[in-house]
Amino acid sequence: MQEHHLSVSRTARYFTLGESSRAVGEVWFACHGYGQLAARFLEKLRVLDDGTRYLVAPEGLSRFYLSEHPTERRVGASWMTREDRLAEIEDYVRYLDAVYADVCGVLDRAQVTVHALGFSQGVATVSRWAAMGKAKIDRLILWGGEFPPDLDLTLGTVVTRLSAARLTLVYGRADEFITPKIVGTIVTRLRQYDIPYTELPFDGGHELNESVLRQLGASTSPSAFSS
């Protein structure tokens, strides 16, 4: 038995909040967690929609039924699984680059700052995108997820790109998935390679927090992101 790969064209979707206009000063790309859908996830970020931001939520390329219950077959999406994972990573990095090009192609990129927020499974997604993609990310927010342990930080280009993206680690102190041990491991790796970051813990669990979102939205100057 031999395994083969080929590239195919397929239709992907993303959702937006706000108006793509000259009034926009910030573009936020928000990647949802495992089993979520982009539209529902974007609703949780509506607090950031103040007329100066254009919020963009791409949807993971793999959808599936969350339940086989005949009367409640809810659907979710995933960015990848461990099956054929390297190909899936390449696919979603190219996909996010395409969304970026589609969105920023109608804006003056020099006049806006680009923020990439990943939640849960989306943390590894935006981390790899910022490190490996073509898009220029000005600010990287990793919320309630694990920085990918297999991302090769010995590559100078990867470290350079991550260092240029002001990186913030957001996590709930009661998050059962992102424990203090996991946070410690992430911090150790970032320090080892001199990647600047800041931590923003909050009282809560594995969830988006409205007051923290407001705080992130208010903290847009570079001086707010020194480690």
Protein backbone atom coordinates (compact mmCIF):
# COMPACT_ATOMS: atom_id res chain seq x y z
CA MET A 1 0.00 0.00 0.00
CA GLN A 2 1.27 3.46 -0.91
CA GLU A 3 0.06 6.82 0.32
CA HIS A 4 -0.44 9.62 -2.22
CA HIS A 5 -1.22 13.32 -1.90
CA LEU A 6 -2.65 15.83 -4.35
CA SER A 7 -3.85 19.40 -4.03
CA VAL A 8 -7.49 20.16 -4.75
CA SER A 9 -9.54 23.33 -4.88
CA ARG A 10 -12.27 23.64 -2.28
CA THR A 11 -14.55 26.30 -0.87
CA ALA A 12 -13.82 27.70 2.58
CA ARG A 13 -15.68 30.38 4.48
CA TYR A 14 -15.00 33.15 6.95
CA PHE A 15 -17.21 35.62 8.80
CA THR A 16 -16.67 39.30 9.57
CA LEU A 17 -17.91 41.99 11.94
CA GLY A 18 -17.50 45.68 11.21
CA GLU A 19 -16.95 47.55 7.99
CA SER A 20 -13.90 47.27 5.76
CA SER A 21 -13.28 50.98 5.25
CA ARG A 22 -10.77 53.76 5.72
CA ALA A 23 -12.00 54.18 9.29
CA VAL A 24 -10.57 50.79 10.21
CA GLY A 25 -7.40 50.98 12.28
CA GLU A 26 -7.17 47.34 13.33
CA VAL A 27 -7.92 44.00 11.69
CA TRP A 28 -8.41 41.04 14.03
CA PHE A 29 -8.17 37.49 12.72
CA ALA A 30 -9.76 35.16 15.28
CA CYS A 31 -9.36 31.38 15.10
CA HIS A 32 -11.88 29.33 17.02
CA GLY A 33 -11.34 26.27 19.19
CA TYR A 34 -12.03 22.60 18.51
CA GLY A 35 -15.66 21.83 17.72
CA GLN A 36 -16.70 25.46 17.32
CA LEU A 37 -18.03 27.28 14.27
CA ALA A 38 -16.68 30.63 13.15
CA ALA A 39 -19.96 32.58 13.26
CA ARG A 40 -20.78 31.58 16.84
CA PHE A 41 -17.22 32.22 17.91
CA LEU A 42 -17.23 35.66 16.33
CA GLU A 43 -20.34 36.58 18.30
CA LYS A 44 -18.24 36.26 21.47
CA LEU A 45 -15.91 38.96 20.09
CA ARG A 46 -18.67 41.45 19.33
CA VAL A 47 -17.52 43.53 22.31
CA LEU A 48 -14.51 44.56 20.19
CA ASP A 49 -16.68 45.86 17.35
CA ASP A 50 -16.42 49.60 18.05
CA GLY A 51 -16.25 50.96 14.51
CA THR A 52 -12.44 51.07 14.35
CA ARG A 53 -11.88 47.31 14.04
CA TYR A 54 -12.61 44.79 11.33
CA LEU A 55 -13.08 41.36 12.93
CA VAL A 56 -12.48 38.28 10.80
CA ALA A 57 -13.19 34.68 11.85
CA PRO A 58 -12.01 31.97 9.46
CA GLU A 59 -13.55 28.54 9.93
CA GLY A 60 -11.57 25.33 10.25
CA LEU A 61 -11.56 23.30 7.05
CA SER A 62 -12.87 20.08 8.65
CA ARG A 63 -16.49 20.03 9.87
CA PHE A 64 -18.10 17.16 11.73
CA TYR A 65 -21.16 16.28 13.77
CA LEU A 66 -20.68 16.89 17.48
CA SER A 67 -23.47 14.49 18.35
CA GLU A 68 -25.21 11.66 16.58
CA HIS A 69 -28.45 12.35 18.42
CA PRO A 70 -31.14 12.27 15.71
CA THR A 71 -32.85 15.49 16.84
CA GLU A 72 -29.76 17.50 17.73
CA ARG A 73 -26.99 16.93 15.22
CA ARG A 74 -24.92 20.01 15.98
CA VAL A 75 -21.93 20.71 13.76
CA GLY A 76 -18.46 21.87 14.74
CA ALA A 77 -15.18 22.41 12.95
CA SER A 78 -11.57 21.47 13.55
CA TRP A 79 -8.28 22.89 12.30
CA MET A 80 -6.50 19.55 12.22
CA THR A 81 -6.10 16.12 13.78
CA ARG A 82 -3.06 13.90 14.26
CA GLU A 83 -3.96 12.04 11.05
CA ASP A 84 -1.85 13.38 8.15
CA ARG A 85 -1.14 16.36 10.39
CA LEU A 86 1.72 17.93 8.41
CA ALA A 87 -0.42 18.19 5.29
CA GLU A 88 -3.29 19.66 7.31
CA ILE A 89 -0.97 22.25 8.86
CA GLU A 90 0.29 23.29 5.42
CA ASP A 91 -3.30 23.49 4.19
CA TYR A 92 -4.55 25.77 6.96
CA VAL A 93 -1.50 28.03 6.82
CA ARG A 94 -2.12 28.56 3.10
CA TYR A 95 -5.82 29.02 3.78
CA LEU A 96 -5.22 31.71 6.43
CA ASP A 97 -2.79 33.45 4.10
CA ALA A 98 -5.54 33.48 1.48
CA VAL A 99 -8.05 34.97 3.94
CA TYR A 100 -5.47 37.59 4.92
CA ALA A 101 -4.89 38.49 1.26
CA ASP A 102 -8.64 38.68 0.60
CA VAL A 103 -9.24 40.96 3.60
CA CYS A 104 -6.17 43.17 3.43
CA GLY A 105 -6.30 43.48 -0.34
CA VAL A 106 -8.99 46.16 -0.01
CA LEU A 107 -7.30 48.01 2.86
CA ASP A 108 -4.19 50.15 3.14
CA ARG A 109 -2.07 47.62 5.02
CA ALA A 110 0.39 50.30 6.11
CA GLN A 111 -2.41 52.11 7.96
CA VAL A 112 -3.76 49.16 9.98
CA THR A 113 -2.38 46.83 12.63
CA VAL A 114 -3.12 43.13 12.27
CA HIS A 115 -4.00 41.12 15.35
CA ALA A 116 -4.22 37.31 15.35
CA LEU A 117 -6.14 35.75 18.24
CA GLY A 118 -6.35 32.01 18.73
CA PHE A 119 -8.52 30.30 21.32
CA SER A 120 -7.97 26.72 22.52
CA GLN A 121 -7.07 24.64 19.43
CA GLY A 122 -6.83 27.91 17.54
CA VAL A 123 -3.73 28.84 19.58
CA ALA A 124 -1.55 26.33 17.78
CA THR A 125 -3.19 27.40 14.52
CA VAL A 126 -2.37 31.11 14.79
CA SER A 127 1.07 30.36 16.25
CA ARG A 128 2.04 28.29 13.21
CA TRP A 129 0.45 30.84 10.88
CA ALA A 130 2.41 33.71 12.44
CA ALA A 131 5.63 31.67 12.28
CA MET A 132 5.24 29.97 8.90
CA GLY A 133 2.79 31.99 6.83
CA LYS A 134 3.22 34.94 4.48
CA ALA A 135 0.99 37.30 6.45
CA LYS A 136 2.57 40.02 8.59
CA ILE A 137 1.13 39.70 12.09
CA ASP A 138 1.65 42.71 14.36
CA ARG A 139 0.15 41.20 17.48
CA LEU A 140 -0.37 37.59 18.52
CA ILE A 141 -2.82 36.63 21.27
CA LEU A 142 -2.73 33.03 22.50
CA TRP A 143 -5.79 32.37 24.66
CA GLY A 144 -6.34 29.14 26.57
CA GLY A 145 -4.28 26.89 24.33
CA GLU A 146 -0.85 25.33 24.02
CA PHE A 147 1.92 26.92 22.00
CA PRO A 148 2.83 24.12 19.55
CA PRO A 149 5.69 22.13 21.11
CA ASP A 150 6.84 20.89 17.69
CA LEU A 151 7.28 24.38 16.21
CA ASP A 152 11.00 24.54 15.39
CA LEU A 153 12.35 27.55 17.26
CA THR A 154 15.90 26.83 16.13
CA LEU A 155 14.94 28.37 12.80
CA GLY A 156 15.92 32.01 12.80
CA THR A 157 13.05 33.04 10.56
CA VAL A 158 10.51 31.52 12.94
CA VAL A 159 11.93 33.31 15.98
CA THR A 160 12.19 36.58 14.05
CA ARG A 161 8.55 36.43 12.98
CA LEU A 162 7.30 35.51 16.46
CA SER A 163 9.44 38.19 18.08
CA ALA A 164 8.01 40.81 15.75
CA ALA A 165 4.45 39.86 16.70
CA ARG A 166 3.77 41.28 20.14
CA LEU A 167 2.81 38.08 21.94
CA THR A 168 0.34 37.82 24.80
CA LEU A 169 -0.50 34.66 26.72
CA VAL A 170 -4.06 34.75 28.07
CA TYR A 171 -5.37 32.00 30.34
CA GLY A 172 -7.90 31.44 33.07
CA ARG A 173 -6.48 30.55 36.45
CA ALA A 174 -9.13 27.80 36.69
CA ASP A 175 -8.62 26.48 33.14
CA GLU A 176 -8.51 22.68 33.39
CA PHE A 177 -6.71 22.37 30.06
CA ILE A 178 -4.04 25.05 30.41
CA THR A 179 -2.55 24.23 33.78
CA PRO A 180 0.26 26.17 35.51
CA LYS A 181 2.63 23.40 34.37
CA ILE A 182 1.70 23.93 30.72
CA VAL A 183 2.01 27.70 31.06
CA GLY A 184 5.41 27.20 32.66
CA THR A 185 6.56 25.02 29.76
CA ILE A 186 5.42 27.64 27.22
CA VAL A 187 7.15 30.45 29.10
CA THR A 188 10.38 28.45 29.38
CA ARG A 189 10.50 27.93 25.61
CA LEU A 190 9.78 31.57 24.84
CA ARG A 191 12.48 32.74 27.24
CA GLN A 192 14.97 30.20 25.90
CA TYR A 193 14.72 31.79 22.46
CA ASP A 194 14.35 35.38 23.69
CA ILE A 195 10.84 35.75 22.27
CA PRO A 196 9.22 38.67 24.12
CA TYR A 197 5.80 38.09 25.62
CA THR A 198 3.43 39.21 28.33
CA GLU A 199 1.04 37.15 30.45
CA LEU A 200 -2.57 38.06 31.11
CA PRO A 201 -4.18 35.60 33.53
CA PHE A 202 -7.75 36.08 34.70
CA ASP A 203 -10.14 34.52 37.19
CA GLY A 204 -12.05 32.00 35.09
CA GLY A 205 -11.84 28.78 33.16
CA HIS A 206 -11.57 27.65 29.54
CA GLU A 207 -13.59 30.50 28.10
CA LEU A 208 -13.48 33.91 26.48
CA ASN A 209 -13.88 36.65 29.05
CA GLU A 210 -15.54 39.94 28.08
CA SER A 211 -13.58 42.13 30.49
CA VAL A 212 -10.29 40.62 29.27
CA LEU A 213 -11.33 41.22 25.66
CA ARG A 214 -12.01 44.85 26.54
CA GLN A 215 -8.60 45.07 28.18
CA LEU A 216 -6.92 43.62 25.10
CA GLY A 217 -8.81 46.03 22.91
CA ALA A 218 -7.71 48.98 25.04
CA SER A 219 -4.04 47.88 25.10
CA THR A 220 -2.91 48.61 21.56
CA SER A 221 0.34 50.50 22.05
CA PRO A 222 3.66 48.62 21.71
CA SER A 223 4.71 49.71 25.22
CA ALA A 224 1.83 47.67 26.66
CA PHE A 225 3.42 44.44 25.44
CA SER A 226 6.88 44.35 26.98
CA SER A 227 7.71 41.10 28.77
